[in-house]
């Protein structure tokens, strides 16, 4: 069946980290290689992780970063140690259901054409109580499905990241997560979708905590979010006739968002988009954004 590597990423999640690690250890699948990467936590997370390793899993690899690197760098720090035929990244505020790994390894084993399996998720509150509805029943616009997801992922974020299991061949192809970004998942899945098909498992395999530390529920830093989105569509710009217009439309959408926020480096970003697309609308925004470089704080 093969080894499964789980990279548990933690940053100031002391309240839930033991629950998350227990849920990984209690999977009905073996062998699982667990790597814990703490991104410079300033609460008691590091202490609880060390105590958990000492008491329950002495062979666990613990990457204890003294300073906060950011999520993508934290994940990448663990990748050289991955031994699994499959892997996934898992946040330390969520919980795996007991059959998550075994059910997904089975599904990928039955269809070698699939590179990534993902599922629905139960929602829980900060105290671990179930919230009515699941991730996809509450996000109906995301419309999960199986197969070639490249065109769909250009249009919107779809994949429930904590639910995935990824075949090692995907990691071998993509190498690492994009350290230019603060949010890692959509860029990784968009790149993967160019080469691999996705399999949707309609039952929940994860309990996803809706809390102040979850990226989807934290107060949104609009400038950071739109900058990340712009970079994804700029760096992954596909000149193929079938996709060029969709990428250009997304770039223009996030150009307008960054312009409205007076992003200091907007002119540089928009000029690069012009060079990529050869659409003069981006040059117009680049010129109009020049004053931001001297007046905007960030």
C-alpha atoms as a PDB file:
ATOM      1  CA  UNK A   1       0.000   0.000   0.000  1.00  0.00           C
ATOM      2  CA  UNK A   2       2.919   2.363   0.658  1.00  0.00           C
ATOM      3  CA  UNK A   3       4.061   4.918   3.217  1.00  0.00           C
ATOM      4  CA  UNK A   4       1.961   8.042   3.764  1.00  0.00           C
ATOM      5  CA  UNK A   5       3.741  11.178   4.957  1.00  0.00           C
ATOM      6  CA  UNK A   6       1.761  13.770   6.897  1.00  0.00           C
ATOM      7  CA  UNK A   7       3.340  17.198   7.348  1.00  0.00           C
ATOM      8  CA  UNK A   8       1.617  18.757  10.355  1.00  0.00           C
ATOM      9  CA  UNK A   9       2.139  22.522  10.254  1.00  0.00           C
ATOM     10  CA  UNK A  10       1.689  24.545  13.419  1.00  0.00           C
ATOM     11  CA  UNK A  11       1.715  28.209  14.291  1.00  0.00           C
ATOM     12  CA  UNK A  12       0.277  29.312  17.640  1.00  0.00           C
ATOM     13  CA  UNK A  13      -2.266  26.482  17.798  1.00  0.00           C
ATOM     14  CA  UNK A  14      -1.522  25.282  21.313  1.00  0.00           C
ATOM     15  CA  UNK A  15      -5.219  24.900  22.099  1.00  0.00           C
ATOM     16  CA  UNK A  16      -5.709  22.220  19.434  1.00  0.00           C
ATOM     17  CA  UNK A  17      -2.319  20.814  18.436  1.00  0.00           C
ATOM     18  CA  UNK A  18      -2.563  17.695  20.622  1.00  0.00           C
ATOM     19  CA  UNK A  19      -6.012  16.876  19.190  1.00  0.00           C
ATOM     20  CA  UNK A  20      -4.662  17.244  15.660  1.00  0.00           C
ATOM     21  CA  UNK A  21      -1.639  15.038  16.309  1.00  0.00           C
ATOM     22  CA  UNK A  22      -3.778  12.430  18.088  1.00  0.00           C
ATOM     23  CA  UNK A  23      -6.107  12.278  15.095  1.00  0.00           C
ATOM     24  CA  UNK A  24      -3.143  11.547  12.812  1.00  0.00           C
ATOM     25  CA  UNK A  25      -1.738   8.895  15.122  1.00  0.00           C
ATOM     26  CA  UNK A  26      -5.174   7.247  15.466  1.00  0.00           C
ATOM     27  CA  UNK A  27      -5.577   6.638  11.741  1.00  0.00           C
ATOM     28  CA  UNK A  28      -6.434   3.027  10.893  1.00  0.00           C
ATOM     29  CA  UNK A  29      -3.728   3.070   8.205  1.00  0.00           C
ATOM     30  CA  UNK A  30      -0.063   2.208   8.646  1.00  0.00           C
ATOM     31  CA  UNK A  31       2.710   3.096   8.030  1.00  0.00           C
ATOM     32  CA  UNK A  32       2.417   6.866   8.449  1.00  0.00           C
ATOM     33  CA  UNK A  33       5.488   9.082   8.590  1.00  0.00           C
ATOM     34  CA  UNK A  34       4.712  12.174  10.649  1.00  0.00           C
ATOM     35  CA  UNK A  35       6.712  15.378  10.259  1.00  0.00           C
ATOM     36  CA  UNK A  36       5.780  18.305  12.506  1.00  0.00           C
ATOM     37  CA  UNK A  37       6.906  21.764  11.388  1.00  0.00           C
ATOM     38  CA  UNK A  38       6.364  24.579  13.863  1.00  0.00           C
ATOM     39  CA  UNK A  39       6.648  28.028  12.329  1.00  0.00           C
ATOM     40  CA  UNK A  40       8.041  29.987  15.271  1.00  0.00           C
ATOM     41  CA  UNK A  41       5.039  29.689  17.600  1.00  0.00           C
ATOM     42  CA  UNK A  42       5.029  32.111  20.530  1.00  0.00           C
ATOM     43  CA  UNK A  43       2.371  30.322  22.591  1.00  0.00           C
ATOM     44  CA  UNK A  44       2.763  26.883  24.232  1.00  0.00           C
ATOM     45  CA  UNK A  45       2.603  24.938  20.947  1.00  0.00           C
ATOM     46  CA  UNK A  46       6.260  23.915  20.928  1.00  0.00           C
ATOM     47  CA  UNK A  47       6.071  22.649  24.510  1.00  0.00           C
ATOM     48  CA  UNK A  48       2.954  20.576  23.792  1.00  0.00           C
ATOM     49  CA  UNK A  49       4.477  19.154  20.602  1.00  0.00           C
ATOM     50  CA  UNK A  50       7.630  18.057  22.425  1.00  0.00           C
ATOM     51  CA  UNK A  51       5.599  16.496  25.227  1.00  0.00           C
ATOM     52  CA  UNK A  52       3.379  14.690  22.715  1.00  0.00           C
ATOM     53  CA  UNK A  53       6.368  13.322  20.790  1.00  0.00           C
ATOM     54  CA  UNK A  54       8.074  12.174  23.968  1.00  0.00           C
ATOM     55  CA  UNK A  55       4.949  10.412  25.259  1.00  0.00           C
ATOM     56  CA  UNK A  56       3.373   9.025  22.083  1.00  0.00           C
ATOM     57  CA  UNK A  57       5.674   9.101  19.041  1.00  0.00           C
ATOM     58  CA  UNK A  58       9.399   9.324  19.886  1.00  0.00           C
ATOM     59  CA  UNK A  59      10.461   8.784  16.269  1.00  0.00           C
ATOM     60  CA  UNK A  60       8.576  11.814  14.943  1.00  0.00           C
ATOM     61  CA  UNK A  61      10.581  14.381  12.983  1.00  0.00           C
ATOM     62  CA  UNK A  62      10.147  17.821  14.595  1.00  0.00           C
ATOM     63  CA  UNK A  63      11.247  20.936  12.719  1.00  0.00           C
ATOM     64  CA  UNK A  64      11.370  23.631  15.379  1.00  0.00           C
ATOM     65  CA  UNK A  65      11.825  26.967  13.623  1.00  0.00           C
ATOM     66  CA  UNK A  66      12.903  29.729  16.020  1.00  0.00           C
ATOM     67  CA  UNK A  67      11.326  32.448  13.879  1.00  0.00           C
ATOM     68  CA  UNK A  68       8.212  32.648  11.753  1.00  0.00           C
ATOM     69  CA  UNK A  69       9.073  31.785   8.149  1.00  0.00           C
ATOM     70  CA  UNK A  70       5.604  31.961   6.655  1.00  0.00           C
ATOM     71  CA  UNK A  71       3.452  29.005   5.693  1.00  0.00           C
ATOM     72  CA  UNK A  72       4.996  28.131   2.337  1.00  0.00           C
ATOM     73  CA  UNK A  73       8.564  28.203   3.640  1.00  0.00           C
ATOM     74  CA  UNK A  74       7.515  26.186   6.665  1.00  0.00           C
ATOM     75  CA  UNK A  75       6.018  23.484   4.432  1.00  0.00           C
ATOM     76  CA  UNK A  76       9.024  23.481   2.112  1.00  0.00           C
ATOM     77  CA  UNK A  77      11.345  22.973   5.074  1.00  0.00           C
ATOM     78  CA  UNK A  78       9.697  19.567   5.601  1.00  0.00           C
ATOM     79  CA  UNK A  79       9.707  18.364   1.990  1.00  0.00           C
ATOM     80  CA  UNK A  80      13.320  17.057   1.935  1.00  0.00           C
ATOM     81  CA  UNK A  81      12.339  14.594   4.686  1.00  0.00           C
ATOM     82  CA  UNK A  82       9.261  13.171   2.924  1.00  0.00           C
ATOM     83  CA  UNK A  83       9.583   9.399   2.475  1.00  0.00           C
ATOM     84  CA  UNK A  84       6.005   8.572   1.528  1.00  0.00           C
ATOM     85  CA  UNK A  85       4.442   7.274  -1.654  1.00  0.00           C
ATOM     86  CA  UNK A  86       1.663   9.736  -0.734  1.00  0.00           C
ATOM     87  CA  UNK A  87       1.731  12.896   1.350  1.00  0.00           C
ATOM     88  CA  UNK A  88      -0.373  15.727   2.640  1.00  0.00           C
ATOM     89  CA  UNK A  89      -0.067  18.962   4.601  1.00  0.00           C
ATOM     90  CA  UNK A  90      -2.325  19.204   7.654  1.00  0.00           C
ATOM     91  CA  UNK A  91      -2.986  22.183   9.918  1.00  0.00           C
ATOM     92  CA  UNK A  92      -2.764  21.670  13.673  1.00  0.00           C
ATOM     93  CA  UNK A  93      -6.182  23.157  14.364  1.00  0.00           C
ATOM     94  CA  UNK A  94      -8.075  20.460  12.411  1.00  0.00           C
ATOM     95  CA  UNK A  95      -8.755  16.771  13.037  1.00  0.00           C
ATOM     96  CA  UNK A  96      -8.639  13.772  10.711  1.00  0.00           C
ATOM     97  CA  UNK A  97     -11.451  11.248  10.860  1.00  0.00           C
ATOM     98  CA  UNK A  98     -10.070   7.743  11.591  1.00  0.00           C
ATOM     99  CA  UNK A  99     -10.419   6.272   8.081  1.00  0.00           C
ATOM    100  CA  UNK A 100      -9.224   9.316   6.131  1.00  0.00           C
ATOM    101  CA  UNK A 101      -5.852   7.984   5.050  1.00  0.00           C
ATOM    102  CA  UNK A 102      -6.916   4.380   4.433  1.00  0.00           C
ATOM    103  CA  UNK A 103      -9.940   5.329   2.322  1.00  0.00           C
ATOM    104  CA  UNK A 104      -7.942   7.759   0.190  1.00  0.00           C
ATOM    105  CA  UNK A 105      -4.966   5.446  -0.341  1.00  0.00           C
ATOM    106  CA  UNK A 106      -7.469   2.835  -1.524  1.00  0.00           C
ATOM    107  CA  UNK A 107      -9.086   5.272  -3.956  1.00  0.00           C
ATOM    108  CA  UNK A 108      -5.768   6.385  -5.440  1.00  0.00           C
ATOM    109  CA  UNK A 109      -4.634   2.778  -5.649  1.00  0.00           C
ATOM    110  CA  UNK A 110      -7.711   1.874  -7.680  1.00  0.00           C
ATOM    111  CA  UNK A 111      -7.127   4.644 -10.236  1.00  0.00           C
ATOM    112  CA  UNK A 112      -3.483   5.324 -11.140  1.00  0.00           C
ATOM    113  CA  UNK A 113      -4.572   8.198 -13.405  1.00  0.00           C
ATOM    114  CA  UNK A 114      -5.548  10.299 -10.382  1.00  0.00           C
ATOM    115  CA  UNK A 115      -2.856  12.414  -8.758  1.00  0.00           C
ATOM    116  CA  UNK A 116      -4.826  13.954  -5.910  1.00  0.00           C
ATOM    117  CA  UNK A 117      -7.899  12.861  -3.968  1.00  0.00           C
ATOM    118  CA  UNK A 118      -9.894  15.422  -1.975  1.00  0.00           C
ATOM    119  CA  UNK A 119     -13.116  15.240  -0.005  1.00  0.00           C
ATOM    120  CA  UNK A 120     -15.824  17.127   1.796  1.00  0.00           C
ATOM    121  CA  UNK A 121     -15.208  18.244   5.384  1.00  0.00           C
ATOM    122  CA  UNK A 122     -17.222  18.404   8.582  1.00  0.00           C
ATOM    123  CA  UNK A 123     -17.201  21.833  10.184  1.00  0.00           C
ATOM    124  CA  UNK A 124     -16.498  22.202  13.911  1.00  0.00           C
ATOM    125  CA  UNK A 125     -16.332  25.217  16.202  1.00  0.00           C
ATOM    126  CA  UNK A 126     -13.469  26.250  18.464  1.00  0.00           C
ATOM    127  CA  UNK A 127     -14.613  23.797  21.129  1.00  0.00           C
ATOM    128  CA  UNK A 128     -14.800  20.904  18.662  1.00  0.00           C
ATOM    129  CA  UNK A 129     -18.589  20.800  18.380  1.00  0.00           C
ATOM    130  CA  UNK A 130     -19.986  19.976  14.950  1.00  0.00           C
ATOM    131  CA  UNK A 131     -21.524  22.841  12.983  1.00  0.00           C
ATOM    132  CA  UNK A 132     -24.521  21.966  10.770  1.00  0.00           C
ATOM    133  CA  UNK A 133     -23.657  21.550   7.106  1.00  0.00           C
ATOM    134  CA  UNK A 134     -20.400  20.529   5.484  1.00  0.00           C
ATOM    135  CA  UNK A 135     -17.759  22.545   3.680  1.00  0.00           C
ATOM    136  CA  UNK A 136     -19.255  22.020   0.229  1.00  0.00           C
ATOM    137  CA  UNK A 137     -22.901  22.317   1.278  1.00  0.00           C
ATOM    138  CA  UNK A 138     -21.997  25.749   2.652  1.00  0.00           C
ATOM    139  CA  UNK A 139     -19.795  26.685  -0.335  1.00  0.00           C
ATOM    140  CA  UNK A 140     -22.090  25.578  -3.153  1.00  0.00           C
ATOM    141  CA  UNK A 141     -20.371  27.818  -5.701  1.00  0.00           C
ATOM    142  CA  UNK A 142     -17.249  25.631  -5.503  1.00  0.00           C
ATOM    143  CA  UNK A 143     -18.916  22.577  -7.132  1.00  0.00           C
ATOM    144  CA  UNK A 144     -16.403  19.763  -6.448  1.00  0.00           C
ATOM    145  CA  UNK A 145     -15.976  17.060  -9.091  1.00  0.00           C
ATOM    146  CA  UNK A 146     -13.532  14.446 -10.385  1.00  0.00           C
ATOM    147  CA  UNK A 147     -11.361  14.563 -13.486  1.00  0.00           C
ATOM    148  CA  UNK A 148      -9.447  17.319 -15.264  1.00  0.00           C
ATOM    149  CA  UNK A 149      -9.878  20.374 -13.037  1.00  0.00           C
ATOM    150  CA  UNK A 150      -7.465  22.794 -14.705  1.00  0.00           C
ATOM    151  CA  UNK A 151     -10.052  25.067 -16.360  1.00  0.00           C
ATOM    152  CA  UNK A 152     -12.244  25.055 -13.235  1.00  0.00           C
ATOM    153  CA  UNK A 153      -9.333  25.959 -10.967  1.00  0.00           C
ATOM    154  CA  UNK A 154      -8.446  28.907 -13.186  1.00  0.00           C
ATOM    155  CA  UNK A 155     -11.916  30.259 -12.497  1.00  0.00           C
ATOM    156  CA  UNK A 156     -12.151  29.730  -8.716  1.00  0.00           C
ATOM    157  CA  UNK A 157     -10.712  28.153  -5.583  1.00  0.00           C
ATOM    158  CA  UNK A 158     -12.361  24.739  -5.174  1.00  0.00           C
ATOM    159  CA  UNK A 159     -10.193  22.223  -3.343  1.00  0.00           C
ATOM    160  CA  UNK A 160     -10.694  21.744   0.420  1.00  0.00           C
ATOM    161  CA  UNK A 161      -6.973  21.685   1.195  1.00  0.00           C
ATOM    162  CA  UNK A 162      -7.011  19.847   4.567  1.00  0.00           C
ATOM    163  CA  UNK A 163      -8.869  16.944   2.952  1.00  0.00           C
ATOM    164  CA  UNK A 164      -6.367  16.075   0.231  1.00  0.00           C
ATOM    165  CA  UNK A 165      -4.017  13.167  -0.210  1.00  0.00           C
ATOM    166  CA  UNK A 166      -1.369  13.679  -2.892  1.00  0.00           C
ATOM    167  CA  UNK A 167       0.489  11.064  -4.884  1.00  0.00           C
ATOM    168  CA  UNK A 168       4.278  11.409  -4.614  1.00  0.00           C
ATOM    169  CA  UNK A 169       4.541  11.829  -8.388  1.00  0.00           C
ATOM    170  CA  UNK A 170       2.781  15.207  -8.018  1.00  0.00           C
ATOM    171  CA  UNK A 171       5.390  16.446  -5.571  1.00  0.00           C
ATOM    172  CA  UNK A 172       8.182  15.113  -7.756  1.00  0.00           C
ATOM    173  CA  UNK A 173       6.756  17.109 -10.676  1.00  0.00           C
ATOM    174  CA  UNK A 174       6.097  20.365  -8.802  1.00  0.00           C
ATOM    175  CA  UNK A 175       9.121  20.158  -6.464  1.00  0.00           C
ATOM    176  CA  UNK A 176       7.899  22.566  -3.785  1.00  0.00           C
ATOM    177  CA  UNK A 177       5.388  25.182  -2.730  1.00  0.00           C
ATOM    178  CA  UNK A 178       5.664  28.738  -4.022  1.00  0.00           C
ATOM    179  CA  UNK A 179       7.548  30.828  -1.466  1.00  0.00           C
ATOM    180  CA  UNK A 180       6.466  34.068  -3.138  1.00  0.00           C
ATOM    181  CA  UNK A 181       3.013  33.432  -1.675  1.00  0.00           C
ATOM    182  CA  UNK A 182       1.482  33.644   1.780  1.00  0.00           C
ATOM    183  CA  UNK A 183      -1.267  31.150   0.896  1.00  0.00           C
ATOM    184  CA  UNK A 184       0.011  27.931  -0.607  1.00  0.00           C
ATOM    185  CA  UNK A 185      -2.864  25.740  -1.643  1.00  0.00           C
ATOM    186  CA  UNK A 186      -4.510  27.190  -4.764  1.00  0.00           C
ATOM    187  CA  UNK A 187      -1.207  27.753  -6.551  1.00  0.00           C
ATOM    188  CA  UNK A 188      -0.114  24.180  -5.798  1.00  0.00           C
ATOM    189  CA  UNK A 189      -3.396  22.664  -7.003  1.00  0.00           C
ATOM    190  CA  UNK A 190      -3.513  24.838 -10.123  1.00  0.00           C
ATOM    191  CA  UNK A 191      -0.010  23.719 -11.083  1.00  0.00           C
ATOM    192  CA  UNK A 192      -0.870  20.100 -10.336  1.00  0.00           C
ATOM    193  CA  UNK A 193      -4.030  20.256 -12.455  1.00  0.00           C
ATOM    194  CA  UNK A 194      -1.978  20.905 -15.595  1.00  0.00           C
ATOM    195  CA  UNK A 195      -0.528  17.406 -15.343  1.00  0.00           C
ATOM    196  CA  UNK A 196      -2.757  15.309 -13.064  1.00  0.00           C
ATOM    197  CA  UNK A 197      -6.452  14.517 -12.612  1.00  0.00           C
ATOM    198  CA  UNK A 198      -8.283  14.936  -9.298  1.00  0.00           C
ATOM    199  CA  UNK A 199     -10.659  12.519  -7.583  1.00  0.00           C
ATOM    200  CA  UNK A 200     -13.500  13.832  -5.418  1.00  0.00           C
ATOM    201  CA  UNK A 201     -14.572  11.764  -2.412  1.00  0.00           C
ATOM    202  CA  UNK A 202     -18.038  13.054  -1.401  1.00  0.00           C
ATOM    203  CA  UNK A 203     -17.921  11.978   2.257  1.00  0.00           C
ATOM    204  CA  UNK A 204     -16.116  14.100   4.872  1.00  0.00           C
ATOM    205  CA  UNK A 205     -12.696  12.822   5.942  1.00  0.00           C
ATOM    206  CA  UNK A 206     -11.679  15.804   8.070  1.00  0.00           C
ATOM    207  CA  UNK A 207     -13.141  17.942  10.827  1.00  0.00           C
ATOM    208  CA  UNK A 208     -12.304  21.486   9.776  1.00  0.00           C
ATOM    209  CA  UNK A 209     -12.221  23.969  12.620  1.00  0.00           C
ATOM    210  CA  UNK A 210     -13.871  27.310  11.962  1.00  0.00           C
ATOM    211  CA  UNK A 211     -11.756  29.518  14.186  1.00  0.00           C
ATOM    212  CA  UNK A 212      -9.741  32.693  14.244  1.00  0.00           C
ATOM    213  CA  UNK A 213      -6.624  30.780  13.157  1.00  0.00           C
ATOM    214  CA  UNK A 214      -8.143  29.205  10.038  1.00  0.00           C
ATOM    215  CA  UNK A 215      -7.102  31.099   6.912  1.00  0.00           C
ATOM    216  CA  UNK A 216     -10.638  31.054   5.518  1.00  0.00           C
ATOM    217  CA  UNK A 217     -12.096  32.575   8.701  1.00  0.00           C
ATOM    218  CA  UNK A 218      -9.385  35.032   9.749  1.00  0.00           C
ATOM    219  CA  UNK A 219     -10.052  38.731   9.179  1.00  0.00           C
ATOM    220  CA  UNK A 220      -8.959  39.231   5.597  1.00  0.00           C
ATOM    221  CA  UNK A 221      -5.912  41.345   4.847  1.00  0.00           C
ATOM    222  CA  UNK A 222      -7.264  42.431   1.467  1.00  0.00           C
ATOM    223  CA  UNK A 223      -3.974  43.742   0.158  1.00  0.00           C
ATOM    224  CA  UNK A 224      -2.135  40.520   1.009  1.00  0.00           C
ATOM    225  CA  UNK A 225      -4.941  38.371  -0.411  1.00  0.00           C
ATOM    226  CA  UNK A 226      -5.223  40.234  -3.722  1.00  0.00           C
ATOM    227  CA  UNK A 227      -1.449  40.433  -4.085  1.00  0.00           C
ATOM    228  CA  UNK A 228      -1.246  36.659  -3.698  1.00  0.00           C
ATOM    229  CA  UNK A 229      -4.026  36.118  -6.212  1.00  0.00           C
ATOM    230  CA  UNK A 230      -2.371  38.452  -8.726  1.00  0.00           C
ATOM    231  CA  UNK A 231       0.932  36.603  -8.376  1.00  0.00           C
ATOM    232  CA  UNK A 232      -0.708  33.217  -8.899  1.00  0.00           C
ATOM    233  CA  UNK A 233      -2.285  34.260 -12.181  1.00  0.00           C
ATOM    234  CA  UNK A 234       0.792  36.185 -13.291  1.00  0.00           C
ATOM    235  CA  UNK A 235       3.272  33.407 -12.537  1.00  0.00           C
ATOM    236  CA  UNK A 236       1.020  30.629 -13.879  1.00  0.00           C
ATOM    237  CA  UNK A 237      -0.137  32.590 -16.931  1.00  0.00           C
ATOM    238  CA  UNK A 238      -0.957  30.097 -19.670  1.00  0.00           C
ATOM    239  CA  UNK A 239      -0.561  31.479 -23.220  1.00  0.00           C
ATOM    240  CA  UNK A 240      -2.432  28.539 -24.710  1.00  0.00           C
ATOM    241  CA  UNK A 241      -5.402  29.840 -26.718  1.00  0.00           C
ATOM    242  CA  UNK A 242      -7.813  27.781 -24.618  1.00  0.00           C
ATOM    243  CA  UNK A 243      -6.791  29.495 -21.366  1.00  0.00           C
ATOM    244  CA  UNK A 244      -5.169  32.826 -22.239  1.00  0.00           C
ATOM    245  CA  UNK A 245      -8.367  34.866 -21.997  1.00  0.00           C
ATOM    246  CA  UNK A 246      -9.310  33.375 -18.621  1.00  0.00           C
ATOM    247  CA  UNK A 247      -5.895  34.162 -17.120  1.00  0.00           C
ATOM    248  CA  UNK A 248      -5.983  37.681 -18.564  1.00  0.00           C
ATOM    249  CA  UNK A 249      -9.437  38.288 -17.081  1.00  0.00           C
ATOM    250  CA  UNK A 250      -8.258  37.134 -13.666  1.00  0.00           C
ATOM    251  CA  UNK A 251      -5.176  39.344 -13.847  1.00  0.00           C
ATOM    252  CA  UNK A 252      -7.316  42.344 -14.758  1.00  0.00           C
ATOM    253  CA  UNK A 253      -9.734  41.617 -11.889  1.00  0.00           C
ATOM    254  CA  UNK A 254      -6.923  41.556  -9.326  1.00  0.00           C
ATOM    255  CA  UNK A 255      -5.224  44.542 -10.973  1.00  0.00           C
ATOM    256  CA  UNK A 256      -8.339  46.590 -10.306  1.00  0.00           C
ATOM    257  CA  UNK A 257      -8.458  45.347  -6.697  1.00  0.00           C
ATOM    258  CA  UNK A 258      -4.822  46.262  -6.043  1.00  0.00           C
ATOM    259  CA  UNK A 259      -5.277  49.618  -7.748  1.00  0.00           C
ATOM    260  CA  UNK A 260      -8.269  50.418  -5.550  1.00  0.00           C
ATOM    261  CA  UNK A 261      -6.132  49.686  -2.465  1.00  0.00           C
ATOM    262  CA  UNK A 262      -3.274  51.948  -3.671  1.00  0.00           C
ATOM    263  CA  UNK A 263      -0.761  49.110  -3.481  1.00  0.00           C
ATOM    264  CA  UNK A 264       2.711  50.682  -3.359  1.00  0.00           C
ATOM    265  CA  UNK A 265       4.244  48.313  -5.929  1.00  0.00           C
ATOM    266  CA  UNK A 266       1.162  48.271  -8.150  1.00  0.00           C
ATOM    267  CA  UNK A 267       2.876  49.944 -11.085  1.00  0.00           C
ATOM    268  CA  UNK A 268       5.599  47.276 -11.162  1.00  0.00           C
ATOM    269  CA  UNK A 269       3.064  44.466 -10.973  1.00  0.00           C
ATOM    270  CA  UNK A 270       0.876  45.926 -13.689  1.00  0.00           C
ATOM    271  CA  UNK A 271       3.792  46.585 -16.031  1.00  0.00           C
ATOM    272  CA  UNK A 272       4.794  42.936 -15.671  1.00  0.00           C
ATOM    273  CA  UNK A 273       1.225  41.915 -16.487  1.00  0.00           C
ATOM    274  CA  UNK A 274       1.393  44.062 -19.613  1.00  0.00           C
ATOM    275  CA  UNK A 275       4.617  42.340 -20.668  1.00  0.00           C
ATOM    276  CA  UNK A 276       2.995  38.956 -20.112  1.00  0.00           C
ATOM    277  CA  UNK A 277      -0.340  39.642 -21.818  1.00  0.00           C
ATOM    278  CA  UNK A 278       0.477  42.496 -24.248  1.00  0.00           C
ATOM    279  CA  UNK A 279      -2.815  44.086 -23.221  1.00  0.00           C
ATOM    280  CA  UNK A 280      -2.506  47.879 -22.995  1.00  0.00           C
ATOM    281  CA  UNK A 281      -5.109  48.102 -20.228  1.00  0.00           C
ATOM    282  CA  UNK A 282      -2.383  46.915 -17.834  1.00  0.00           C
ATOM    283  CA  UNK A 283      -0.015  49.657 -19.027  1.00  0.00           C
ATOM    284  CA  UNK A 284      -2.777  52.191 -18.366  1.00  0.00           C
ATOM    285  CA  UNK A 285      -3.084  50.978 -14.774  1.00  0.00           C
ATOM    286  CA  UNK A 286       0.709  50.846 -14.407  1.00  0.00           C
ATOM    287  CA  UNK A 287       1.070  54.506 -15.348  1.00  0.00           C
ATOM    288  CA  UNK A 288      -1.862  55.556 -13.166  1.00  0.00           C
ATOM    289  CA  UNK A 289      -0.292  53.699 -10.207  1.00  0.00           C
ATOM    290  CA  UNK A 290       3.050  55.510 -10.258  1.00  0.00           C
ATOM    291  CA  UNK A 291       2.021  58.003  -7.503  1.00  0.00           C
ATOM    292  CA  UNK A 292       1.311  55.068  -5.153  1.00  0.00           C
ATOM    293  CA  UNK A 293       5.009  54.225  -5.045  1.00  0.00           C
ATOM    294  CA  UNK A 294       5.759  57.567  -3.365  1.00  0.00           C
ATOM    295  CA  UNK A 295       2.648  57.921  -1.212  1.00  0.00           C
ATOM    296  CA  UNK A 296       1.427  54.446  -0.208  1.00  0.00           C
ATOM    297  CA  UNK A 297       2.753  52.787   2.974  1.00  0.00           C
ATOM    298  CA  UNK A 298       2.658  49.229   1.584  1.00  0.00           C
END
